[in-house]
Amino acid sequence: MKKLCDSYLEIKKSKFIGILYEVNSTKDVDDIINSLKIEHKKARHIVYAYKIQGNEKNYSDKEPSGTTRGLLDLIHLKNKDNTLIVVIRYFGGILLGSGPLTRAYTKVSSMLFIE
């Protein structure tokens, strides 16, 4: 597993930290997520999506349905494999609503692929 890059976005006091990893197995994914949960104990949500050798998963960590689908869509759009996108959200106290929340997750994830 290898961390490739990260990104940051703040919207209405909520902080979004995006991280892109190269991974080889779901064990790599589990290790990364467990490590991030320890490192970011005060984060409200840690959402992620991965694609590893055709196996894929999108996890929304209790966020509204569909708001994190953009992570997996981005992996498909960029034609990536053995890729994990993680977004850590620190809640700022202001509810964003499904539309703005979806755009925030998608934007911070797309910033990971700017070359």
N, C-alpha and C. Protein backbone atom coordinates (compact mmCIF):
# COMPACT_ATOMS: atom_id res chain seq x y z
N MET A 1 0.85 -1.18 0.00
CA MET A 1 0.00 0.00 0.00
C MET A 1 0.89 1.23 0.00
N LYS A 2 0.41 2.25 -0.70
CA LYS A 2 1.21 3.45 -0.85
C LYS A 2 0.30 4.66 -0.94
N LYS A 3 0.55 5.67 -0.09
CA LYS A 3 -0.20 6.91 -0.15
C LYS A 3 0.33 7.72 -1.33
N LEU A 4 -0.58 8.12 -2.22
CA LEU A 4 -0.17 8.85 -3.42
C LEU A 4 -0.28 10.36 -3.25
N CYS A 5 -1.39 10.84 -2.69
CA CYS A 5 -1.58 12.28 -2.50
C CYS A 5 -2.78 12.52 -1.59
N ASP A 6 -2.95 13.79 -1.21
CA ASP A 6 -4.12 14.16 -0.41
C ASP A 6 -4.66 15.51 -0.86
N SER A 7 -5.86 15.82 -0.39
CA SER A 7 -6.52 17.07 -0.74
C SER A 7 -7.32 17.56 0.47
N TYR A 8 -7.73 18.82 0.42
CA TYR A 8 -8.44 19.40 1.55
C TYR A 8 -9.49 20.38 1.03
N LEU A 9 -10.65 20.37 1.68
CA LEU A 9 -11.74 21.26 1.31
C LEU A 9 -12.51 21.61 2.58
N GLU A 10 -12.90 22.87 2.70
CA GLU A 10 -13.72 23.29 3.84
C GLU A 10 -14.99 23.95 3.30
N ILE A 11 -16.13 23.45 3.77
CA ILE A 11 -17.43 23.99 3.36
C ILE A 11 -18.29 24.16 4.60
N LYS A 12 -18.71 25.39 4.87
CA LYS A 12 -19.55 25.71 6.02
C LYS A 12 -19.03 25.06 7.31
N LYS A 13 -17.76 25.25 7.56
CA LYS A 13 -17.06 24.79 8.75
C LYS A 13 -16.81 23.28 8.80
N SER A 14 -17.35 22.51 7.86
CA SER A 14 -17.02 21.09 7.77
C SER A 14 -15.72 20.95 7.00
N LYS A 15 -14.84 20.12 7.51
CA LYS A 15 -13.54 19.90 6.86
C LYS A 15 -13.53 18.52 6.22
N PHE A 16 -13.09 18.48 4.96
CA PHE A 16 -13.02 17.25 4.19
C PHE A 16 -11.56 17.02 3.80
N ILE A 17 -11.02 15.88 4.18
CA ILE A 17 -9.66 15.51 3.83
C ILE A 17 -9.73 14.29 2.93
N GLY A 18 -9.26 14.44 1.71
CA GLY A 18 -9.24 13.33 0.76
C GLY A 18 -7.85 12.72 0.69
N ILE A 19 -7.79 11.42 0.59
CA ILE A 19 -6.51 10.73 0.48
C ILE A 19 -6.63 9.62 -0.57
N LEU A 20 -5.64 9.57 -1.45
CA LEU A 20 -5.60 8.57 -2.51
C LEU A 20 -4.48 7.57 -2.21
N TYR A 21 -4.82 6.29 -2.27
CA TYR A 21 -3.85 5.23 -2.01
C TYR A 21 -3.79 4.26 -3.17
N GLU A 22 -2.63 3.65 -3.34
CA GLU A 22 -2.48 2.49 -4.21
C GLU A 22 -2.49 1.28 -3.27
N VAL A 23 -3.39 0.34 -3.51
CA VAL A 23 -3.54 -0.83 -2.63
C VAL A 23 -3.52 -2.11 -3.46
N ASN A 24 -3.19 -3.22 -2.79
CA ASN A 24 -3.12 -4.50 -3.48
C ASN A 24 -4.12 -5.53 -2.97
N SER A 25 -4.75 -5.24 -1.82
CA SER A 25 -5.69 -6.21 -1.25
C SER A 25 -6.68 -5.49 -0.33
N THR A 26 -7.75 -6.20 0.01
CA THR A 26 -8.72 -5.63 0.95
C THR A 26 -8.11 -5.55 2.34
N LYS A 27 -7.10 -6.37 2.63
CA LYS A 27 -6.39 -6.26 3.91
C LYS A 27 -5.68 -4.91 4.00
N ASP A 28 -5.09 -4.46 2.88
CA ASP A 28 -4.48 -3.12 2.84
C ASP A 28 -5.52 -2.07 3.19
N VAL A 29 -6.71 -2.20 2.59
CA VAL A 29 -7.80 -1.25 2.85
C VAL A 29 -8.16 -1.25 4.33
N ASP A 30 -8.37 -2.42 4.90
CA ASP A 30 -8.72 -2.53 6.32
C ASP A 30 -7.66 -1.91 7.22
N ASP A 31 -6.38 -2.17 6.90
CA ASP A 31 -5.28 -1.61 7.69
C ASP A 31 -5.27 -0.08 7.63
N ILE A 32 -5.47 0.46 6.43
CA ILE A 32 -5.49 1.92 6.25
C ILE A 32 -6.64 2.54 7.01
N ILE A 33 -7.84 1.99 6.86
CA ILE A 33 -9.03 2.55 7.52
C ILE A 33 -8.86 2.48 9.04
N ASN A 34 -8.40 1.36 9.55
CA ASN A 34 -8.19 1.24 11.01
C ASN A 34 -7.18 2.25 11.51
N SER A 35 -6.12 2.46 10.77
CA SER A 35 -5.11 3.44 11.14
C SER A 35 -5.67 4.87 11.13
N LEU A 36 -6.48 5.17 10.11
CA LEU A 36 -7.08 6.51 10.01
C LEU A 36 -8.09 6.76 11.13
N LYS A 37 -8.81 5.72 11.53
CA LYS A 37 -9.77 5.86 12.64
C LYS A 37 -9.04 6.20 13.94
N ILE A 38 -7.86 5.66 14.12
CA ILE A 38 -7.06 5.97 15.31
C ILE A 38 -6.50 7.39 15.22
N GLU A 39 -5.99 7.74 14.04
CA GLU A 39 -5.38 9.05 13.83
C GLU A 39 -6.40 10.19 13.88
N HIS A 40 -7.61 9.94 13.39
CA HIS A 40 -8.65 10.98 13.30
C HIS A 40 -9.83 10.62 14.20
N LYS A 41 -9.58 10.45 15.47
CA LYS A 41 -10.62 10.02 16.43
C LYS A 41 -11.82 10.96 16.47
N LYS A 42 -11.60 12.24 16.25
CA LYS A 42 -12.69 13.21 16.35
C LYS A 42 -13.45 13.41 15.05
N ALA A 43 -13.05 12.72 14.00
CA ALA A 43 -13.76 12.81 12.72
C ALA A 43 -15.14 12.19 12.85
N ARG A 44 -16.13 12.82 12.24
CA ARG A 44 -17.50 12.31 12.29
C ARG A 44 -17.68 11.13 11.34
N HIS A 45 -17.10 11.23 10.15
CA HIS A 45 -17.26 10.17 9.14
C HIS A 45 -15.93 9.91 8.44
N ILE A 46 -15.67 8.65 8.13
CA ILE A 46 -14.56 8.26 7.27
C ILE A 46 -15.17 7.38 6.19
N VAL A 47 -15.35 7.97 5.01
CA VAL A 47 -15.97 7.26 3.90
C VAL A 47 -14.88 6.84 2.92
N TYR A 48 -15.17 5.79 2.16
CA TYR A 48 -14.16 5.34 1.20
C TYR A 48 -14.78 4.53 0.08
N ALA A 49 -13.99 4.39 -0.98
CA ALA A 49 -14.34 3.52 -2.10
C ALA A 49 -13.04 2.95 -2.64
N TYR A 50 -13.13 1.70 -3.09
CA TYR A 50 -11.94 1.10 -3.69
C TYR A 50 -12.32 0.19 -4.85
N LYS A 51 -11.31 -0.04 -5.68
CA LYS A 51 -11.41 -1.04 -6.75
C LYS A 51 -10.08 -1.77 -6.76
N ILE A 52 -10.15 -3.08 -6.53
CA ILE A 52 -8.95 -3.91 -6.48
C ILE A 52 -9.19 -5.14 -7.37
N GLN A 53 -8.51 -5.19 -8.48
CA GLN A 53 -8.61 -6.31 -9.42
C GLN A 53 -10.07 -6.66 -9.73
N GLY A 54 -10.85 -5.65 -10.04
CA GLY A 54 -12.24 -5.84 -10.40
C GLY A 54 -13.20 -5.91 -9.22
N ASN A 55 -12.70 -6.11 -8.01
CA ASN A 55 -13.52 -6.13 -6.80
C ASN A 55 -13.67 -4.69 -6.31
N GLU A 56 -14.88 -4.24 -6.08
CA GLU A 56 -15.06 -2.85 -5.67
C GLU A 56 -16.07 -2.72 -4.53
N LYS A 57 -15.91 -1.61 -3.79
CA LYS A 57 -16.80 -1.34 -2.67
C LYS A 57 -16.86 0.16 -2.43
N ASN A 58 -18.04 0.60 -1.98
CA ASN A 58 -18.26 1.99 -1.61
C ASN A 58 -18.85 1.96 -0.20
N TYR A 59 -18.22 2.66 0.75
CA TYR A 59 -18.69 2.67 2.14
C TYR A 59 -18.99 4.10 2.56
N SER A 60 -20.22 4.36 3.04
CA SER A 60 -20.65 5.73 3.33
C SER A 60 -20.64 6.11 4.81
N ASP A 61 -20.28 5.21 5.71
CA ASP A 61 -20.13 5.51 7.14
C ASP A 61 -21.28 6.37 7.70
N LYS A 62 -22.50 5.92 7.47
CA LYS A 62 -23.72 6.54 8.00
C LYS A 62 -24.06 7.90 7.39
N GLU A 63 -23.41 8.27 6.30
CA GLU A 63 -23.81 9.47 5.56
C GLU A 63 -25.07 9.11 4.76
N PRO A 64 -25.86 10.12 4.34
CA PRO A 64 -27.07 9.83 3.57
C PRO A 64 -26.77 9.01 2.31
N SER A 65 -27.70 8.15 1.97
CA SER A 65 -27.56 7.25 0.84
C SER A 65 -27.21 8.02 -0.44
N GLY A 66 -26.21 7.53 -1.15
CA GLY A 66 -25.84 8.11 -2.44
C GLY A 66 -24.85 9.25 -2.39
N THR A 67 -24.60 9.81 -1.21
CA THR A 67 -23.74 11.00 -1.14
C THR A 67 -22.28 10.69 -1.42
N THR A 68 -21.88 9.43 -1.27
CA THR A 68 -20.47 9.07 -1.49
C THR A 68 -20.26 8.24 -2.75
N ARG A 69 -21.29 8.07 -3.54
CA ARG A 69 -21.19 7.27 -4.78
C ARG A 69 -20.16 7.87 -5.74
N GLY A 70 -19.96 9.17 -5.67
CA GLY A 70 -19.01 9.85 -6.56
C GLY A 70 -17.59 9.34 -6.42
N LEU A 71 -17.22 8.82 -5.27
CA LEU A 71 -15.87 8.29 -5.08
C LEU A 71 -15.62 7.12 -6.02
N LEU A 72 -16.54 6.18 -6.03
CA LEU A 72 -16.40 5.01 -6.90
C LEU A 72 -16.55 5.41 -8.37
N ASP A 73 -17.47 6.33 -8.64
CA ASP A 73 -17.63 6.81 -10.02
C ASP A 73 -16.33 7.42 -10.54
N LEU A 74 -15.64 8.14 -9.69
CA LEU A 74 -14.37 8.77 -10.07
C LEU A 74 -13.30 7.73 -10.39
N ILE A 75 -13.26 6.67 -9.60
CA ILE A 75 -12.30 5.58 -9.87
C ILE A 75 -12.57 4.99 -11.26
N HIS A 76 -13.86 4.81 -11.60
CA HIS A 76 -14.22 4.29 -12.92
C HIS A 76 -13.88 5.30 -14.02
N LEU A 77 -14.19 6.56 -13.79
CA LEU A 77 -13.94 7.61 -14.77
C LEU A 77 -12.45 7.72 -15.11
N LYS A 78 -11.61 7.60 -14.10
CA LYS A 78 -10.15 7.70 -14.28
C LYS A 78 -9.53 6.36 -14.68
N ASN A 79 -10.39 5.33 -14.82
CA ASN A 79 -9.96 4.01 -15.24
C ASN A 79 -8.83 3.47 -14.35
N LYS A 80 -9.02 3.56 -13.04
CA LYS A 80 -8.01 3.13 -12.07
C LYS A 80 -8.36 1.76 -11.50
N ASP A 81 -7.33 1.02 -11.14
CA ASP A 81 -7.49 -0.24 -10.44
C ASP A 81 -6.48 -0.24 -9.29
N ASN A 82 -6.68 -1.10 -8.32
CA ASN A 82 -5.83 -1.12 -7.12
C ASN A 82 -5.76 0.28 -6.50
N THR A 83 -6.92 0.89 -6.38
CA THR A 83 -7.03 2.27 -5.92
C THR A 83 -8.03 2.37 -4.77
N LEU A 84 -7.66 3.16 -3.77
CA LEU A 84 -8.53 3.46 -2.64
C LEU A 84 -8.62 4.97 -2.48
N ILE A 85 -9.84 5.48 -2.40
CA ILE A 85 -10.08 6.89 -2.08
C ILE A 85 -10.74 6.92 -0.71
N VAL A 86 -10.18 7.71 0.19
CA VAL A 86 -10.75 7.90 1.52
C VAL A 86 -11.03 9.39 1.70
N VAL A 87 -12.19 9.71 2.28
CA VAL A 87 -12.48 11.09 2.65
C VAL A 87 -12.86 11.10 4.13
N ILE A 88 -12.14 11.91 4.88
CA ILE A 88 -12.37 12.07 6.32
C ILE A 88 -13.13 13.37 6.50
N ARG A 89 -14.26 13.31 7.20
CA ARG A 89 -15.08 14.51 7.40
C ARG A 89 -15.15 14.87 8.88
N TYR A 90 -14.75 16.09 9.15
CA TYR A 90 -14.95 16.69 10.46
C TYR A 90 -16.17 17.59 10.34
N PHE A 91 -17.23 17.27 11.06
CA PHE A 91 -18.49 18.02 10.99
C PHE A 91 -18.32 19.38 11.63
N GLY A 92 -18.75 20.41 10.91
CA GLY A 92 -18.58 21.78 11.37
C GLY A 92 -19.77 22.37 12.10
N GLY A 93 -20.83 21.56 12.29
CA GLY A 93 -21.98 22.05 13.04
C GLY A 93 -23.12 22.55 12.18
N ILE A 94 -22.91 22.64 10.87
CA ILE A 94 -23.95 23.11 9.95
C ILE A 94 -24.30 21.96 9.01
N LEU A 95 -25.57 21.56 8.99
CA LEU A 95 -26.00 20.50 8.08
C LEU A 95 -25.91 21.01 6.64
N LEU A 96 -25.30 20.22 5.76
CA LEU A 96 -25.11 20.64 4.38
C LEU A 96 -26.26 20.24 3.47
N GLY A 97 -26.92 19.15 3.77
CA GLY A 97 -27.95 18.62 2.87
C GLY A 97 -27.31 17.66 1.88
N SER A 98 -28.10 16.79 1.30
CA SER A 98 -27.58 15.73 0.44
C SER A 98 -26.85 16.25 -0.79
N GLY A 99 -27.42 17.23 -1.48
CA GLY A 99 -26.80 17.75 -2.71
C GLY A 99 -25.43 18.36 -2.45
N PRO A 100 -25.34 19.35 -1.54
CA PRO A 100 -24.03 19.93 -1.26
C PRO A 100 -23.04 18.93 -0.68
N LEU A 101 -23.53 17.98 0.11
CA LEU A 101 -22.65 16.97 0.68
C LEU A 101 -22.07 16.07 -0.42
N THR A 102 -22.92 15.66 -1.35
CA THR A 102 -22.47 14.86 -2.49
C THR A 102 -21.41 15.61 -3.29
N ARG A 103 -21.66 16.89 -3.56
CA ARG A 103 -20.70 17.70 -4.32
C ARG A 103 -19.39 17.87 -3.56
N ALA A 104 -19.45 18.01 -2.25
CA ALA A 104 -18.24 18.16 -1.44
C ALA A 104 -17.39 16.90 -1.51
N TYR A 105 -18.00 15.74 -1.33
CA TYR A 105 -17.26 14.47 -1.40
C TYR A 105 -16.67 14.27 -2.80
N THR A 106 -17.44 14.58 -3.83
CA THR A 106 -16.96 14.40 -5.20
C THR A 106 -15.83 15.39 -5.51
N LYS A 107 -15.97 16.62 -5.05
CA LYS A 107 -14.95 17.63 -5.35
C LYS A 107 -13.62 17.31 -4.66
N VAL A 108 -13.67 17.00 -3.37
CA VAL A 108 -12.42 16.71 -2.66
C VAL A 108 -11.75 15.45 -3.23
N SER A 109 -12.55 14.52 -3.72
CA SER A 109 -11.99 13.31 -4.35
C SER A 109 -11.39 13.63 -5.72
N SER A 110 -12.07 14.45 -6.50
CA SER A 110 -11.56 14.78 -7.84
C SER A 110 -10.27 15.59 -7.75
N MET A 111 -10.09 16.35 -6.66
CA MET A 111 -8.86 17.11 -6.47
C MET A 111 -7.64 16.19 -6.34
N LEU A 112 -7.86 14.94 -6.01
CA LEU A 112 -6.77 13.97 -5.88
C LEU A 112 -6.17 13.59 -7.23
N PHE A 113 -6.91 13.82 -8.31
CA PHE A 113 -6.48 13.40 -9.63
C PHE A 113 -5.99 14.56 -10.49
N ILE A 114 -5.87 15.75 -9.93
CA ILE A 114 -5.36 16.89 -10.67
C ILE A 114 -3.85 16.72 -10.81
N GLU A 115 -3.41 16.73 -12.03
CA GLU A 115 -1.97 16.49 -12.28
C GLU A 115 -1.25 17.74 -12.67
